[in-house]
Protein backbone atom coordinates (compact mmCIF):
# COMPACT_ATOMS: atom_id res chain seq x y z
CA MET A 1 4.21 -2.60 -12.54
CA SER A 2 1.61 -4.88 -14.13
CA ASP A 3 1.59 -2.82 -17.32
CA ASP A 4 5.39 -2.83 -17.45
CA TYR A 5 5.40 -6.63 -17.27
CA ALA A 6 2.83 -6.75 -20.06
CA VAL A 7 5.11 -4.75 -22.33
CA ALA A 8 8.06 -7.01 -21.50
CA ILE A 9 6.13 -10.26 -22.03
CA ARG A 10 4.64 -9.12 -25.34
CA ARG A 11 8.11 -8.17 -26.52
CA GLU A 12 9.88 -11.29 -25.23
CA PHE A 13 7.28 -14.03 -25.84
CA GLY A 14 4.46 -12.57 -27.92
CA GLN A 15 1.97 -15.02 -26.42
CA ALA A 16 0.33 -16.13 -23.17
CA VAL A 17 2.61 -17.49 -20.44
CA ASP A 18 2.21 -19.30 -17.12
CA LEU A 19 2.55 -16.70 -14.39
CA ILE A 20 3.63 -17.26 -10.78
CA GLY A 21 3.32 -14.34 -8.37
CA ILE A 22 4.99 -14.76 -4.97
CA SER A 23 3.81 -12.66 -2.01
CA THR A 24 3.90 -9.03 -3.19
CA GLY A 25 4.50 -10.38 -6.68
CA GLY A 26 1.11 -12.05 -6.33
CA SER A 27 -0.51 -8.65 -5.88
CA ILE A 28 1.00 -7.54 -9.17
CA ALA A 29 -0.01 -10.83 -10.79
CA GLN A 30 -3.65 -10.28 -9.83
CA HIS A 31 -3.70 -6.96 -11.68
CA PHE A 32 -1.84 -8.53 -14.58
CA ALA A 33 -4.26 -11.44 -14.96
CA ALA A 34 -7.29 -9.13 -14.83
CA ASP A 35 -5.90 -6.41 -17.11
CA HIS A 36 -3.88 -8.52 -19.56
CA SER A 37 -5.75 -11.84 -19.67
CA ASP A 38 -4.54 -12.50 -23.23
CA LEU A 39 -1.02 -12.85 -21.85
CA VAL A 40 -1.79 -15.38 -19.10
CA ARG A 41 -2.32 -19.10 -19.67
CA ARG A 42 -2.35 -20.20 -16.02
CA LEU A 43 -1.86 -18.21 -12.83
CA VAL A 44 -0.29 -19.29 -9.54
CA LEU A 45 -0.78 -17.01 -6.53
CA HIS A 46 2.01 -18.25 -4.28
CA SER A 47 1.58 -17.16 -0.65
CA SER A 48 -0.43 -14.15 -1.76
CA ALA A 49 -4.02 -12.98 -1.29
CA HIS A 50 -6.26 -10.09 -2.32
CA THR A 51 -4.93 -7.99 0.58
CA LEU A 52 -2.58 -8.26 3.54
CA SER A 53 -3.88 -9.14 6.99
CA GLU A 54 -4.01 -6.30 9.52
CA ALA A 55 -1.02 -7.80 11.33
CA GLY A 56 0.84 -8.07 8.03
CA LYS A 57 0.14 -4.42 7.20
CA ALA A 58 1.30 -3.28 10.62
CA SER A 59 4.56 -5.19 10.29
CA GLN A 60 5.17 -3.83 6.81
CA LEU A 61 4.57 -0.25 7.97
CA ARG A 62 7.05 -0.72 10.81
CA LEU A 63 9.52 -2.00 8.23
CA GLU A 64 8.87 1.07 6.08
CA HIS A 65 9.57 3.40 9.00
CA LEU A 66 12.85 1.69 9.79
CA ALA A 67 13.86 1.65 6.12
CA GLN A 68 13.18 5.37 5.75
CA GLU A 69 15.56 5.95 8.65
CA ARG A 70 18.03 3.51 7.06
CA ARG A 71 18.00 1.35 10.18
CA TRP A 72 18.57 -1.78 8.12
CA ARG A 73 19.60 -4.18 10.86
CA GLU A 74 16.52 -3.28 12.89
CA ALA A 75 14.36 -3.63 9.78
CA TYR A 76 15.72 -7.10 9.17
CA SER A 77 15.21 -8.03 12.82
CA GLU A 78 11.64 -6.66 12.87
CA THR A 79 10.52 -8.75 9.93
CA PHE A 80 12.40 -11.86 11.05
CA HIS A 81 10.80 -11.83 14.48
CA PHE A 82 7.36 -11.06 13.07
CA MET A 83 7.57 -14.06 10.76
CA SER A 84 9.09 -16.50 13.25
CA ASP A 85 7.25 -15.46 16.43
CA ARG A 86 3.80 -15.69 14.86
CA GLY A 87 4.52 -19.12 13.48
CA GLY A 88 5.97 -20.62 16.62
CA SER A 89 7.94 -23.41 14.97
CA ARG A 90 11.43 -24.14 13.72
CA LYS A 91 10.08 -24.59 10.22
CA LEU A 92 8.63 -21.07 10.19
CA THR A 93 11.86 -19.65 11.58
CA ALA A 94 13.73 -21.29 8.70
CA ASP A 95 11.12 -19.92 6.27
CA ALA A 96 11.67 -16.45 7.70
CA ALA A 97 15.44 -16.63 7.28
CA VAL A 98 15.22 -17.78 3.66
CA TRP A 99 12.54 -15.24 2.76
CA LEU A 100 14.39 -12.32 4.34
CA GLU A 101 17.60 -13.26 2.59
CA SER A 102 15.85 -12.87 -0.77
CA LEU A 103 13.80 -9.83 0.30
CA PHE A 104 16.71 -7.76 1.54
CA ALA A 105 19.47 -8.96 -0.76
CA GLY A 106 19.15 -6.09 -3.22
CA TRP A 107 18.39 -3.34 -0.74
CA LEU A 108 21.11 -4.25 1.75
CA MET A 109 23.69 -3.75 -0.98
CA THR A 110 22.46 -0.15 -1.43
CA PRO A 111 21.32 0.85 2.07
CA ASP A 112 21.55 4.58 1.35
CA ASP A 113 18.49 4.45 -0.90
CA PRO A 114 15.37 2.94 0.68
CA SER A 115 13.01 4.40 -1.94
CA ALA A 116 12.34 1.17 -3.86
CA LEU A 117 11.40 -0.72 -0.70
CA VAL A 118 9.28 2.17 0.62
CA VAL A 119 7.30 2.50 -2.63
CA THR A 120 6.70 -1.25 -2.71
CA ILE A 121 5.46 -1.34 0.90
CA GLU A 122 3.12 1.61 0.34
CA ALA A 123 1.66 -0.01 -2.77
CA GLU A 124 1.17 -3.31 -0.93
CA ASP A 125 -0.49 -1.51 2.00
CA LYS A 126 -3.10 -0.02 -0.36
CA HIS A 127 -3.61 -3.21 -2.35
CA ASP A 128 -7.18 -4.49 -2.05
CA PHE A 129 -8.24 -6.62 -5.00
CA LYS A 130 -11.25 -8.40 -3.51
CA ARG A 131 -13.85 -6.67 -5.69
CA ARG A 132 -11.86 -7.39 -8.86
CA LEU A 133 -11.09 -11.05 -8.28
CA GLY A 134 -13.99 -12.04 -10.54
CA GLU A 135 -12.18 -10.40 -13.46
CA ILE A 136 -9.48 -13.10 -13.35
CA ALA A 137 -10.72 -15.58 -15.94
CA VAL A 138 -7.71 -17.88 -16.30
CA PRO A 139 -7.25 -21.14 -14.35
CA THR A 140 -5.68 -20.14 -11.04
CA LEU A 141 -3.95 -21.97 -8.20
CA VAL A 142 -3.89 -20.24 -4.79
CA VAL A 143 -1.24 -22.07 -2.79
CA ALA A 144 0.02 -21.11 0.67
CA GLY A 145 0.65 -22.14 4.26
CA ASP A 146 -2.18 -21.78 6.76
CA SER A 147 0.25 -20.21 9.27
CA ASP A 148 1.40 -17.45 6.91
CA PRO A 149 2.09 -14.36 9.07
CA PHE A 150 1.42 -11.78 6.36
CA TYR A 151 -1.95 -13.12 5.29
CA ASP A 152 -4.12 -15.80 6.93
CA ALA A 153 -6.10 -18.85 5.90
CA ALA A 154 -9.35 -16.86 5.64
CA LEU A 155 -7.79 -14.41 3.17
CA PHE A 156 -6.47 -17.24 1.03
CA ARG A 157 -9.92 -18.85 1.00
CA GLU A 158 -11.58 -15.55 0.06
CA THR A 159 -9.11 -15.06 -2.76
CA ALA A 160 -9.69 -18.51 -4.22
CA SER A 161 -13.47 -18.31 -3.86
CA GLY A 162 -13.53 -14.92 -5.59
CA ILE A 163 -11.77 -16.19 -8.72
CA PRO A 164 -14.18 -18.14 -10.97
CA ASN A 165 -11.78 -20.91 -11.99
CA ALA A 166 -9.51 -21.21 -8.97
CA LYS A 167 -8.18 -24.05 -6.85
CA LEU A 168 -6.96 -23.60 -3.27
CA VAL A 169 -4.17 -25.60 -1.63
CA LEU A 170 -3.29 -24.82 1.99
CA TYR A 171 -0.48 -26.57 3.87
CA GLU A 172 -1.00 -27.08 7.57
CA GLY A 173 1.54 -25.36 9.80
CA MET A 174 3.48 -23.83 6.93
CA GLY A 175 4.59 -20.20 6.94
CA HIS A 176 5.75 -17.68 4.35
CA PRO A 177 6.40 -18.48 1.60
CA ALA A 178 5.07 -22.00 1.02
CA ALA A 179 7.83 -24.39 -0.02
CA GLY A 180 8.89 -28.03 -0.07
CA ASN A 181 8.28 -31.16 -2.11
CA ARG A 182 4.50 -31.10 -1.81
CA PHE A 183 4.38 -27.49 -2.92
CA GLU A 184 6.62 -28.17 -5.92
CA ARG A 185 4.54 -31.20 -6.90
CA ASP A 186 1.23 -29.34 -6.64
CA VAL A 187 2.43 -26.38 -8.70
CA ARG A 188 4.02 -28.63 -11.33
CA GLU A 189 0.86 -30.71 -11.68
CA PHE A 190 -1.28 -27.59 -12.03
CA LEU A 191 0.90 -26.09 -14.74
CA LEU A 192 1.35 -29.37 -16.62
CA ALA A 193 -2.43 -29.81 -16.71
CA GLY A 194 -2.54 -26.67 -18.85
CA VAL A 195 0.06 -28.06 -21.24
CA GLU A 196 -1.81 -31.36 -21.52
CA GLN A 197 -5.07 -29.53 -22.19
CA GLU A 198 -3.51 -27.45 -24.96
CA THR A 199 -1.98 -30.57 -26.50
CA ALA A 200 -5.32 -32.36 -26.46
CA GLU A 201 -7.11 -29.36 -27.97
CA ALA A 202 -4.50 -29.09 -30.72
CA ALA A 203 -4.85 -32.79 -31.54
CA PHE A 204 -8.63 -32.51 -31.67
CA SER A 205 -8.40 -29.47 -33.95
CA ALA A 206 -6.01 -31.27 -36.27
CA ALA A 207 -8.32 -34.27 -36.45
């Protein structure tokens, strides 16, 4: 998947871009940043870490089993309750509903073919990038909620500490994925800092 994105970005942009990887997309983004560093200006790992928590893996594998049997309503219910019950707040329940709507939108329209979801879950289950985090050289923001049910605060801290030029932002009591005004502000400021740095470097070079 990472290599496919590299081909697409080289073809579409021909230069480094700011990359935001959300949840499973963050797993792909880690490989991308390490393997195709020339194509990444700044990296945001949004509610994503170097591996899933054990609870997160167990929930995903239950989801895979239900998907293989095409028990879509039960699959939806399994993930919804996992996300909301572990958070224990209305905010996390709302997070769960929004996240599941986006997660299942494509697959629920084609419930007879669970293969795409199954392959994704199996890849995420095997994903363990801890030893390779040091290969990510670009400025990185790890941003998440400390009540994320699929990862946990310790995993987010390990991910940020393993990347040489990384900043960690954790929101208290927030679930999966991180969202809201503070999140938007923090991500915007991080990405704009890269633009300002490039502008300053260009001005210095011209002088």
